[in-house]
Amino acid sequence: MPDGWVSIGFYRPGGDTYQKGHDLNWSMHGMFDFEGAAWHSFLSGLRYRTDFYFHNDGASSSKHKGEFYIAYNAPAGTFETHQTHYFGDSQPFRSLDGETYWGIRFIW
């Protein structure tokens, strides 16, 4: 059975609010997931996600964020709520550096 996820996040972006385009050539993405506690169908833990972007002009930028999450696993999929903080964001547009937001995910 194929799997996937939908994520909804809420945050207040600073700076420019319109991202005109990207000059990205390629990117790398990584994630570390530490599942800290579980009880019946509930699970909580910490995640660290990092994204590295390499631009056409030879420059690079990155995003580094941490998440605290609580998930409920059901037969049809997983419902997850999370609080996320950007430790660093060097994107040239709409940088979220230092921002924190909460959101929900449905993973099927």
PDB file of N, CA and C in Angstrom:
ATOM      1  N   MET A   1       0.850  -1.178   0.000  1.00  0.00           N
ATOM      2  CA  MET A   1       0.000   0.000   0.000  1.00  0.00           C
ATOM      3  C   MET A   1       0.897   1.243   0.000  1.00  0.00           C
ATOM      4  N   PRO A   2       0.655   2.191  -0.895  1.00  0.00           N
ATOM      5  CA  PRO A   2       1.470   3.412  -0.901  1.00  0.00           C
ATOM      6  C   PRO A   2       1.212   4.249   0.346  1.00  0.00           C
ATOM      7  N   ASP A   3       2.211   4.990   0.751  1.00  0.00           N
ATOM      8  CA  ASP A   3       2.021   5.862   1.901  1.00  0.00           C
ATOM      9  C   ASP A   3       2.363   7.287   1.513  1.00  0.00           C
ATOM     10  N   GLY A   4       1.964   8.214   2.331  1.00  0.00           N
ATOM     11  CA  GLY A   4       2.232   9.623   2.075  1.00  0.00           C
ATOM     12  C   GLY A   4       1.862  10.428   3.290  1.00  0.00           C
ATOM     13  N   TRP A   5       1.980  11.730   3.204  1.00  0.00           N
ATOM     14  CA  TRP A   5       1.622  12.564   4.337  1.00  0.00           C
ATOM     15  C   TRP A   5       1.184  13.938   3.855  1.00  0.00           C
ATOM     16  N   VAL A   6       0.361  14.555   4.673  1.00  0.00           N
ATOM     17  CA  VAL A   6      -0.099  15.917   4.446  1.00  0.00           C
ATOM     18  C   VAL A   6       0.276  16.706   5.685  1.00  0.00           C
ATOM     19  N   SER A   7       0.851  17.871   5.507  1.00  0.00           N
ATOM     20  CA  SER A   7       1.287  18.682   6.630  1.00  0.00           C
ATOM     21  C   SER A   7       0.632  20.055   6.550  1.00  0.00           C
ATOM     22  N   ILE A   8       0.154  20.547   7.671  1.00  0.00           N
ATOM     23  CA  ILE A   8      -0.404  21.889   7.761  1.00  0.00           C
ATOM     24  C   ILE A   8       0.341  22.605   8.870  1.00  0.00           C
ATOM     25  N   GLY A   9       0.935  23.735   8.573  1.00  0.00           N
ATOM     26  CA  GLY A   9       1.683  24.484   9.578  1.00  0.00           C
ATOM     27  C   GLY A   9       1.189  25.911   9.669  1.00  0.00           C
ATOM     28  N   PHE A  10       1.362  26.513  10.805  1.00  0.00           N
ATOM     29  CA  PHE A  10       0.956  27.883  11.032  1.00  0.00           C
ATOM     30  C   PHE A  10       2.168  28.674  11.520  1.00  0.00           C
ATOM     31  N   TYR A  11       2.514  29.733  10.820  1.00  0.00           N
ATOM     32  CA  TYR A  11       3.636  30.575  11.230  1.00  0.00           C
ATOM     33  C   TYR A  11       3.438  31.972  10.673  1.00  0.00           C
ATOM     34  N   ARG A  12       4.157  32.901  11.220  1.00  0.00           N
ATOM     35  CA  ARG A  12       4.124  34.289  10.773  1.00  0.00           C
ATOM     36  C   ARG A  12       5.446  34.590  10.080  1.00  0.00           C
ATOM     37  N   PRO A  13       5.457  34.596   8.745  1.00  0.00           N
ATOM     38  CA  PRO A  13       6.725  34.859   8.057  1.00  0.00           C
ATOM     39  C   PRO A  13       7.141  36.315   8.223  1.00  0.00           C
ATOM     40  N   GLY A  14       8.442  36.536   8.312  1.00  0.00           N
ATOM     41  CA  GLY A  14       8.972  37.887   8.377  1.00  0.00           C
ATOM     42  C   GLY A  14       9.568  38.277   7.037  1.00  0.00           C
ATOM     43  N   GLY A  15       9.824  39.536   6.840  1.00  0.00           N
ATOM     44  CA  GLY A  15      10.470  39.989   5.609  1.00  0.00           C
ATOM     45  C   GLY A  15       9.527  39.920   4.421  1.00  0.00           C
ATOM     46  N   ASP A  16      10.097  39.655   3.246  1.00  0.00           N
ATOM     47  CA  ASP A  16       9.314  39.585   2.016  1.00  0.00           C
ATOM     48  C   ASP A  16       8.298  38.458   2.106  1.00  0.00           C
ATOM     49  N   THR A  17       7.080  38.717   1.671  1.00  0.00           N
ATOM     50  CA  THR A  17       6.041  37.708   1.749  1.00  0.00           C
ATOM     51  C   THR A  17       5.751  37.056   0.406  1.00  0.00           C
ATOM     52  N   TYR A  18       6.460  37.417  -0.635  1.00  0.00           N
ATOM     53  CA  TYR A  18       6.251  36.802  -1.944  1.00  0.00           C
ATOM     54  C   TYR A  18       7.585  36.259  -2.446  1.00  0.00           C
ATOM     55  N   GLN A  19       7.612  34.988  -2.712  1.00  0.00           N
ATOM     56  CA  GLN A  19       8.840  34.365  -3.197  1.00  0.00           C
ATOM     57  C   GLN A  19       8.730  34.235  -4.703  1.00  0.00           C
ATOM     58  N   LYS A  20       9.519  35.013  -5.409  1.00  0.00           N
ATOM     59  CA  LYS A  20       9.358  35.148  -6.859  1.00  0.00           C
ATOM     60  C   LYS A  20       9.799  33.906  -7.617  1.00  0.00           C
ATOM     61  N   GLY A  21      10.828  33.257  -7.227  1.00  0.00           N
ATOM     62  CA  GLY A  21      11.297  32.101  -7.961  1.00  0.00           C
ATOM     63  C   GLY A  21      12.554  31.554  -7.325  1.00  0.00           C
ATOM     64  N   HIS A  22      12.966  30.413  -7.775  1.00  0.00           N
ATOM     65  CA  HIS A  22      14.145  29.764  -7.219  1.00  0.00           C
ATOM     66  C   HIS A  22      15.175  29.576  -8.309  1.00  0.00           C
ATOM     67  N   ASP A  23      16.425  29.749  -7.955  1.00  0.00           N
ATOM     68  CA  ASP A  23      17.517  29.460  -8.890  1.00  0.00           C
ATOM     69  C   ASP A  23      18.251  28.206  -8.414  1.00  0.00           C
ATOM     70  N   LEU A  24      17.475  27.215  -7.941  1.00  0.00           N
ATOM     71  CA  LEU A  24      18.067  26.023  -7.359  1.00  0.00           C
ATOM     72  C   LEU A  24      18.496  25.051  -8.451  1.00  0.00           C
ATOM     73  N   ASN A  25      19.677  24.489  -8.262  1.00  0.00           N
ATOM     74  CA  ASN A  25      20.192  23.479  -9.173  1.00  0.00           C
ATOM     75  C   ASN A  25      19.854  22.096  -8.630  1.00  0.00           C
ATOM     76  N   TRP A  26      20.122  21.849  -7.337  1.00  0.00           N
ATOM     77  CA  TRP A  26      19.796  20.584  -6.696  1.00  0.00           C
ATOM     78  C   TRP A  26      19.801  20.776  -5.188  1.00  0.00           C
ATOM     79  N   SER A  27      19.312  19.766  -4.457  1.00  0.00           N
ATOM     80  CA  SER A  27      19.224  19.897  -3.005  1.00  0.00           C
ATOM     81  C   SER A  27      19.394  18.531  -2.346  1.00  0.00           C
ATOM     82  N   MET A  28      19.720  18.558  -1.052  1.00  0.00           N
ATOM     83  CA  MET A  28      19.832  17.352  -0.223  1.00  0.00           C
ATOM     84  C   MET A  28      18.986  17.570   1.027  1.00  0.00           C
ATOM     85  N   HIS A  29      18.356  16.491   1.505  1.00  0.00           N
ATOM     86  CA  HIS A  29      17.477  16.588   2.661  1.00  0.00           C
ATOM     87  C   HIS A  29      17.770  15.440   3.613  1.00  0.00           C
ATOM     88  N   GLY A  30      17.718  15.716   4.904  1.00  0.00           N
ATOM     89  CA  GLY A  30      17.956  14.674   5.899  1.00  0.00           C
ATOM     90  C   GLY A  30      17.038  14.845   7.090  1.00  0.00           C
ATOM     91  N   MET A  31      16.859  13.734   7.828  1.00  0.00           N
ATOM     92  CA  MET A  31      16.000  13.772   9.004  1.00  0.00           C
ATOM     93  C   MET A  31      16.496  12.762  10.025  1.00  0.00           C
ATOM     94  N   PHE A  32      16.472  13.154  11.286  1.00  0.00           N
ATOM     95  CA  PHE A  32      16.750  12.266  12.412  1.00  0.00           C
ATOM     96  C   PHE A  32      15.510  12.263  13.285  1.00  0.00           C
ATOM     97  N   ASP A  33      14.997  11.084  13.607  1.00  0.00           N
ATOM     98  CA  ASP A  33      13.769  10.956  14.388  1.00  0.00           C
ATOM     99  C   ASP A  33      14.066  10.151  15.649  1.00  0.00           C
ATOM    100  N   PHE A  34      13.854  10.775  16.813  1.00  0.00           N
ATOM    101  CA  PHE A  34      14.042  10.096  18.091  1.00  0.00           C
ATOM    102  C   PHE A  34      12.676   9.914  18.733  1.00  0.00           C
ATOM    103  N   GLU A  35      12.193   8.674  18.759  1.00  0.00           N
ATOM    104  CA  GLU A  35      10.915   8.377  19.385  1.00  0.00           C
ATOM    105  C   GLU A  35      11.146   8.204  20.883  1.00  0.00           C
ATOM    106  N   GLY A  36      10.652   9.146  21.667  1.00  0.00           N
ATOM    107  CA  GLY A  36      10.977   9.186  23.079  1.00  0.00           C
ATOM    108  C   GLY A  36      10.067   8.395  23.991  1.00  0.00           C
ATOM    109  N   ALA A  37       8.769   8.419  23.750  1.00  0.00           N
ATOM    110  CA  ALA A  37       7.827   7.741  24.643  1.00  0.00           C
ATOM    111  C   ALA A  37       6.660   7.201  23.831  1.00  0.00           C
ATOM    112  N   ALA A  38       6.109   6.068  24.287  1.00  0.00           N
ATOM    113  CA  ALA A  38       4.955   5.468  23.616  1.00  0.00           C
ATOM    114  C   ALA A  38       4.001   4.914  24.666  1.00  0.00           C
ATOM    115  N   TRP A  39       2.711   5.005  24.370  1.00  0.00           N
ATOM    116  CA  TRP A  39       1.681   4.467  25.240  1.00  0.00           C
ATOM    117  C   TRP A  39       0.500   4.087  24.363  1.00  0.00           C
ATOM    118  N   HIS A  40       0.184   2.820  24.310  1.00  0.00           N
ATOM    119  CA  HIS A  40      -0.872   2.281  23.449  1.00  0.00           C
ATOM    120  C   HIS A  40      -0.635   2.760  22.014  1.00  0.00           C
ATOM    121  N   SER A  41      -1.533   3.543  21.453  1.00  0.00           N
ATOM    122  CA  SER A  41      -1.393   4.023  20.071  1.00  0.00           C
ATOM    123  C   SER A  41      -0.765   5.408  19.989  1.00  0.00           C
ATOM    124  N   PHE A  42      -0.314   5.950  21.119  1.00  0.00           N
ATOM    125  CA  PHE A  42       0.283   7.283  21.136  1.00  0.00           C
ATOM    126  C   PHE A  42       1.806   7.177  21.141  1.00  0.00           C
ATOM    127  N   LEU A  43       2.433   8.144  20.506  1.00  0.00           N
ATOM    128  CA  LEU A  43       3.890   8.186  20.396  1.00  0.00           C
ATOM    129  C   LEU A  43       4.324   9.644  20.436  1.00  0.00           C
ATOM    130  N   SER A  44       5.416   9.938  21.128  1.00  0.00           N
ATOM    131  CA  SER A  44       5.963  11.293  21.115  1.00  0.00           C
ATOM    132  C   SER A  44       7.461  11.218  20.900  1.00  0.00           C
ATOM    133  N   GLY A  45       8.012  12.296  20.403  1.00  0.00           N
ATOM    134  CA  GLY A  45       9.443  12.298  20.158  1.00  0.00           C
ATOM    135  C   GLY A  45       9.940  13.624  19.618  1.00  0.00           C
ATOM    136  N   LEU A  46      11.186  13.599  19.181  1.00  0.00           N
ATOM    137  CA  LEU A  46      11.866  14.767  18.621  1.00  0.00           C
ATOM    138  C   LEU A  46      12.393  14.429  17.237  1.00  0.00           C
ATOM    139  N   ARG A  47      12.356  15.403  16.346  1.00  0.00           N
ATOM    140  CA  ARG A  47      12.923  15.266  15.003  1.00  0.00           C
ATOM    141  C   ARG A  47      13.848  16.436  14.711  1.00  0.00           C
ATOM    142  N   TYR A  48      14.875  16.148  13.948  1.00  0.00           N
ATOM    143  CA  TYR A  48      15.736  17.208  13.415  1.00  0.00           C
ATOM    144  C   TYR A  48      15.746  17.043  11.907  1.00  0.00           C
ATOM    145  N   ARG A  49      15.363  18.087  11.194  1.00  0.00           N
ATOM    146  CA  ARG A  49      15.332  18.057   9.731  1.00  0.00           C
ATOM    147  C   ARG A  49      16.282  19.111   9.194  1.00  0.00           C
ATOM    148  N   THR A  50      16.990  18.758   8.142  1.00  0.00           N
ATOM    149  CA  THR A  50      17.904  19.702   7.517  1.00  0.00           C
ATOM    150  C   THR A  50      17.757  19.625   6.004  1.00  0.00           C
ATOM    151  N   ASP A  51      17.848  20.765   5.359  1.00  0.00           N
ATOM    152  CA  ASP A  51      17.763  20.869   3.905  1.00  0.00           C
ATOM    153  C   ASP A  51      18.918  21.737   3.428  1.00  0.00           C
ATOM    154  N   PHE A  52      19.645  21.252   2.428  1.00  0.00           N
ATOM    155  CA  PHE A  52      20.729  22.012   1.803  1.00  0.00           C
ATOM    156  C   PHE A  52      20.360  22.252   0.347  1.00  0.00           C
ATOM    157  N   TYR A  53      20.457  23.501  -0.106  1.00  0.00           N
ATOM    158  CA  TYR A  53      20.108  23.885  -1.467  1.00  0.00           C
ATOM    159  C   TYR A  53      21.357  24.426  -2.170  1.00  0.00           C
ATOM    160  N   PHE A  54      21.572  23.974  -3.365  1.00  0.00           N
ATOM    161  CA  PHE A  54      22.705  24.418  -4.166  1.00  0.00           C
ATOM    162  C   PHE A  54      22.163  25.170  -5.378  1.00  0.00           C
ATOM    163  N   HIS A  55      22.563  26.429  -5.510  1.00  0.00           N
ATOM    164  CA  HIS A  55      21.991  27.334  -6.497  1.00  0.00           C
ATOM    165  C   HIS A  55      22.784  27.293  -7.805  1.00  0.00           C
ATOM    166  N   ASN A  56      22.137  27.746  -8.869  1.00  0.00           N
ATOM    167  CA  ASN A  56      22.772  27.768 -10.193  1.00  0.00           C
ATOM    168  C   ASN A  56      23.998  28.671 -10.242  1.00  0.00           C
ATOM    169  N   ASP A  57      24.046  29.707  -9.416  1.00  0.00           N
ATOM    170  CA  ASP A  57      25.180  30.636  -9.440  1.00  0.00           C
ATOM    171  C   ASP A  57      26.351  30.167  -8.569  1.00  0.00           C
ATOM    172  N   GLY A  58      26.287  28.957  -8.016  1.00  0.00           N
ATOM    173  CA  GLY A  58      27.375  28.422  -7.198  1.00  0.00           C
ATOM    174  C   GLY A  58      27.202  28.666  -5.704  1.00  0.00           C
ATOM    175  N   ALA A  59      26.230  29.476  -5.312  1.00  0.00           N
ATOM    176  CA  ALA A  59      25.971  29.734  -3.892  1.00  0.00           C
ATOM    177  C   ALA A  59      25.164  28.574  -3.302  1.00  0.00           C
ATOM    178  N   SER A  60      25.028  28.583  -1.995  1.00  0.00           N
ATOM    179  CA  SER A  60      24.227  27.558  -1.330  1.00  0.00           C
ATOM    180  C   SER A  60      23.455  28.199  -0.178  1.00  0.00           C
ATOM    181  N   SER A  61      22.413  27.517   0.256  1.00  0.00           N
ATOM    182  CA  SER A  61      21.635  27.950   1.409  1.00  0.00           C
ATOM    183  C   SER A  61      21.111  26.701   2.114  1.00  0.00           C
ATOM    184  N   SER A  62      20.591  26.886   3.324  1.00  0.00           N
ATOM    185  CA  SER A  62      20.144  25.722   4.090  1.00  0.00           C
ATOM    186  C   SER A  62      19.046  26.109   5.076  1.00  0.00           C
ATOM    187  N   LYS A  63      18.335  25.077   5.524  1.00  0.00           N
ATOM    188  CA  LYS A  63      17.337  25.215   6.584  1.00  0.00           C
ATOM    189  C   LYS A  63      17.595  24.121   7.604  1.00  0.00           C
ATOM    190  N   HIS A  64      17.492  24.461   8.889  1.00  0.00           N
ATOM    191  CA  HIS A  64      17.686  23.505   9.979  1.00  0.00           C
ATOM    192  C   HIS A  64      16.555  23.725  10.977  1.00  0.00           C
ATOM    193  N   LYS A  65      15.768  22.669  11.216  1.00  0.00           N
ATOM    194  CA  LYS A  65      14.646  22.834  12.140  1.00  0.00           C
ATOM    195  C   LYS A  65      14.484  21.619  13.025  1.00  0.00           C
ATOM    196  N   GLY A  66      13.967  21.858  14.219  1.00  0.00           N
ATOM    197  CA  GLY A  66      13.681  20.800  15.170  1.00  0.00           C
ATOM    198  C   GLY A  66      12.196  20.753  15.452  1.00  0.00           C
ATOM    199  N   GLU A  67      11.678  19.552  15.708  1.00  0.00           N
ATOM    200  CA  GLU A  67      10.261  19.367  15.978  1.00  0.00           C
ATOM    201  C   GLU A  67      10.056  18.530  17.233  1.00  0.00           C
ATOM    202  N   PHE A  68       9.097  18.920  18.036  1.00  0.00           N
ATOM    203  CA  PHE A  68       8.565  18.069  19.091  1.00  0.00           C
ATOM    204  C   PHE A  68       7.192  17.629  18.600  1.00  0.00           C
ATOM    205  N   TYR A  69       6.897  16.319  18.638  1.00  0.00           N
ATOM    206  CA  TYR A  69       5.630  15.843  18.095  1.00  0.00           C
ATOM    207  C   TYR A  69       4.970  14.829  19.021  1.00  0.00           C
ATOM    208  N   ILE A  70       3.647  14.752  18.880  1.00  0.00           N
ATOM    209  CA  ILE A  70       2.833  13.717  19.510  1.00  0.00           C
ATOM    210  C   ILE A  70       1.969  13.130  18.402  1.00  0.00           C
ATOM    211  N   ALA A  71       2.015  11.814  18.251  1.00  0.00           N
ATOM    212  CA  ALA A  71       1.304  11.146  17.168  1.00  0.00           C
ATOM    213  C   ALA A  71       0.332  10.112  17.728  1.00  0.00           C
ATOM    214  N   TYR A  72      -0.769   9.933  17.009  1.00  0.00           N
ATOM    215  CA  TYR A  72      -1.742   8.884  17.309  1.00  0.00           C
ATOM    216  C   TYR A  72      -1.800   7.966  16.093  1.00  0.00           C
ATOM    217  N   ASN A  73      -1.455   6.699  16.275  1.00  0.00           N
ATOM    218  CA  ASN A  73      -1.448   5.727  15.182  1.00  0.00           C
ATOM    219  C   ASN A  73      -2.758   4.958  15.168  1.00  0.00           C
ATOM    220  N   ALA A  74      -3.468   5.040  14.047  1.00  0.00           N
ATOM    221  CA  ALA A  74      -4.729   4.320  13.844  1.00  0.00           C
ATOM    222  C   ALA A  74      -4.565   3.397  12.639  1.00  0.00           C
ATOM    223  N   PRO A  75      -5.439   2.426  12.464  1.00  0.00           N
ATOM    224  CA  PRO A  75      -5.319   1.522  11.321  1.00  0.00           C
ATOM    225  C   PRO A  75      -5.312   2.237   9.962  1.00  0.00           C
ATOM    226  N   ALA A  76      -6.043   3.334   9.840  1.00  0.00           N
ATOM    227  CA  ALA A  76      -6.120   4.051   8.565  1.00  0.00           C
ATOM    228  C   ALA A  76      -4.947   5.000   8.345  1.00  0.00           C
ATOM    229  N   GLY A  77      -4.161   5.281   9.371  1.00  0.00           N
ATOM    230  CA  GLY A  77      -3.046   6.217   9.234  1.00  0.00           C
ATOM    231  C   GLY A  77      -2.692   6.836  10.571  1.00  0.00           C
ATOM    232  N   THR A  78      -1.951   7.912  10.515  1.00  0.00           N
ATOM    233  CA  THR A  78      -1.452   8.569  11.725  1.00  0.00           C
ATOM    234  C   THR A  78      -1.864  10.029  11.724  1.00  0.00           C
ATOM    235  N   PHE A  79      -2.301  10.511  12.887  1.00  0.00           N
ATOM    236  CA  PHE A  79      -2.556  11.930  13.108  1.00  0.00           C
ATOM    237  C   PHE A  79      -1.447  12.433  14.011  1.00  0.00           C
ATOM    238  N   GLU A  80      -0.860  13.554  13.644  1.00  0.00           N
ATOM    239  CA  GLU A  80       0.286  14.072  14.401  1.00  0.00           C
ATOM    240  C   GLU A  80       0.133  15.565  14.604  1.00  0.00           C
ATOM    241  N   THR A  81       0.429  16.029  15.805  1.00  0.00           N
ATOM    242  CA  THR A  81       0.537  17.450  16.077  1.00  0.00           C
ATOM    243  C   THR A  81       1.993  17.732  16.445  1.00  0.00           C
ATOM    244  N   HIS A  82       2.488  18.903  16.045  1.00  0.00           N
ATOM    245  CA  HIS A  82       3.906  19.190  16.261  1.00  0.00           C
ATOM    246  C   HIS A  82       4.136  20.671  16.511  1.00  0.00           C
ATOM    247  N   GLN A  83       5.226  20.950  17.199  1.00  0.00           N
ATOM    248  CA  GLN A  83       5.725  22.312  17.349  1.00  0.00           C
ATOM    249  C   GLN A  83       7.118  22.313  16.754  1.00  0.00           C
ATOM    250  N   THR A  84       7.359  23.240  15.847  1.00  0.00           N
ATOM    251  CA  THR A  84       8.601  23.273  15.079  1.00  0.00           C
ATOM    252  C   THR A  84       9.306  24.599  15.284  1.00  0.00           C
ATOM    253  N   HIS A  85      10.629  24.549  15.399  1.00  0.00           N
ATOM    254  CA  HIS A  85      11.454  25.755  15.533  1.00  0.00           C
ATOM    255  C   HIS A  85      12.577  25.710  14.501  1.00  0.00           C
ATOM    256  N   TYR A  86      12.777  26.822  13.789  1.00  0.00           N
ATOM    257  CA  TYR A  86      13.874  26.943  12.832  1.00  0.00           C
ATOM    258  C   TYR A  86      15.118  27.456  13.554  1.00  0.00           C
ATOM    259  N   PHE A  87      16.129  26.604  13.642  1.00  0.00           N
ATOM    260  CA  PHE A  87      17.397  26.991  14.268  1.00  0.00           C
ATOM    261  C   PHE A  87      18.235  27.836  13.326  1.00  0.00           C
ATOM    262  N   GLY A  88      18.066  27.630  12.034  1.00  0.00           N
ATOM    263  CA  GLY A  88      18.791  28.406  11.034  1.00  0.00           C
ATOM    264  C   GLY A  88      18.104  28.294   9.692  1.00  0.00           C
ATOM    265  N   ASP A  89      18.042  29.404   8.965  1.00  0.00           N
ATOM    266  CA  ASP A  89      17.457  29.427   7.628  1.00  0.00           C
ATOM    267  C   ASP A  89      18.163  30.511   6.835  1.00  0.00           C
ATOM    268  N   SER A  90      18.961  30.115   5.865  1.00  0.00           N
ATOM    269  CA  SER A  90      19.706  31.083   5.066  1.00  0.00           C
ATOM    270  C   SER A  90      19.139  31.226   3.663  1.00  0.00           C
ATOM    271  N   GLN A  91      17.847  30.884   3.476  1.00  0.00           N
ATOM    272  CA  GLN A  91      17.197  31.063   2.182  1.00  0.00           C
ATOM    273  C   GLN A  91      17.161  32.553   1.839  1.00  0.00           C
ATOM    274  N   PRO A  92      17.359  32.901   0.565  1.00  0.00           N
ATOM    275  CA  PRO A  92      17.383  34.320   0.206  1.00  0.00           C
ATOM    276  C   PRO A  92      16.021  35.002   0.276  1.00  0.00           C
ATOM    277  N   PHE A  93      14.913  34.243   0.226  1.00  0.00           N
ATOM    278  CA  PHE A  93      13.571  34.808   0.321  1.00  0.00           C
ATOM    279  C   PHE A  93      12.822  34.126   1.459  1.00  0.00           C
ATOM    280  N   ARG A  94      11.991  34.878   2.147  1.00  0.00           N
ATOM    281  CA  ARG A  94      11.105  34.359   3.199  1.00  0.00           C
ATOM    282  C   ARG A  94      11.840  33.507   4.229  1.00  0.00           C
ATOM    283  N   SER A  95      12.933  33.972   4.714  1.00  0.00           N
ATOM    284  CA  SER A  95      13.686  33.240   5.728  1.00  0.00           C
ATOM    285  C   SER A  95      12.849  33.086   6.994  1.00  0.00           C
ATOM    286  N   LEU A  96      12.855  31.882   7.552  1.00  0.00           N
ATOM    287  CA  LEU A  96      12.133  31.600   8.788  1.00  0.00           C
ATOM    288  C   LEU A  96      13.088  31.475   9.971  1.00  0.00           C
ATOM    289  N   ASP A  97      14.284  31.988   9.849  1.00  0.00           N
ATOM    290  CA  ASP A  97      15.304  31.890  10.885  1.00  0.00           C
ATOM    291  C   ASP A  97      14.756  32.388  12.221  1.00  0.00           C
ATOM    292  N   GLY A  98      14.801  31.513  13.240  1.00  0.00           N
ATOM    293  CA  GLY A  98      14.346  31.871  14.573  1.00  0.00           C
ATOM    294  C   GLY A  98      12.843  31.764  14.793  1.00  0.00           C
ATOM    295  N   GLU A  99      12.063  31.430  13.776  1.00  0.00           N
ATOM    296  CA  GLU A  99      10.605  31.339  13.899  1.00  0.00           C
ATOM    297  C   GLU A  99      10.189  29.996  14.503  1.00  0.00           C
ATOM    298  N   THR A 100       9.064  30.000  15.201  1.00  0.00           N
ATOM    299  CA  THR A 100       8.468  28.792  15.770  1.00  0.00           C
ATOM    300  C   THR A 100       7.016  28.738  15.339  1.00  0.00           C
ATOM    301  N   TYR A 101       6.532  27.540  15.025  1.00  0.00           N
ATOM    302  CA  TYR A 101       5.128  27.384  14.649  1.00  0.00           C
ATOM    303  C   TYR A 101       4.628  26.026  15.113  1.00  0.00           C
ATOM    304  N   TRP A 102       3.305  25.844  15.102  1.00  0.00           N
ATOM    305  CA  TRP A 102       2.709  24.548  15.406  1.00  0.00           C
ATOM    306  C   TRP A 102       1.887  24.119  14.205  1.00  0.00           C
ATOM    307  N   GLY A 103       1.654  22.839  14.107  1.00  0.00           N
ATOM    308  CA  GLY A 103       0.888  22.344  12.971  1.00  0.00           C
ATOM    309  C   GLY A 103       0.375  20.939  13.229  1.00  0.00           C
ATOM    310  N   ILE A 104      -0.365  20.423  12.248  1.00  0.00           N
ATOM    311  CA  ILE A 104      -0.888  19.066  12.306  1.00  0.00           C
ATOM    312  C   ILE A 104      -0.539  18.345  11.013  1.00  0.00           C
ATOM    313  N   ARG A 105      -0.433  17.027  11.094  1.00  0.00           N
ATOM    314  CA  ARG A 105      -0.152  16.197   9.927  1.00  0.00           C
ATOM    315  C   ARG A 105      -1.090  14.992   9.945  1.00  0.00           C
ATOM    316  N   PHE A 106      -1.489  14.591   8.749  1.00  0.00           N
ATOM    317  CA  PHE A 106      -2.206  13.337   8.548  1.00  0.00           C
ATOM    318  C   PHE A 106      -1.323  12.473   7.670  1.00  0.00           C
ATOM    319  N   ILE A 107      -0.887  11.340   8.161  1.00  0.00           N
ATOM    320  CA  ILE A 107       0.029  10.452   7.435  1.00  0.00           C
ATOM    321  C   ILE A 107      -0.737   9.167   7.139  1.00  0.00           C
ATOM    322  N   TRP A 108      -0.819   8.819   5.870  1.00  0.00           N
ATOM    323  CA  TRP A 108      -1.544   7.609   5.501  1.00  0.00           C
ATOM    324  C   TRP A 108      -0.664   6.657   4.764  1.00  0.00           C
TER     325      TRP A 108
END
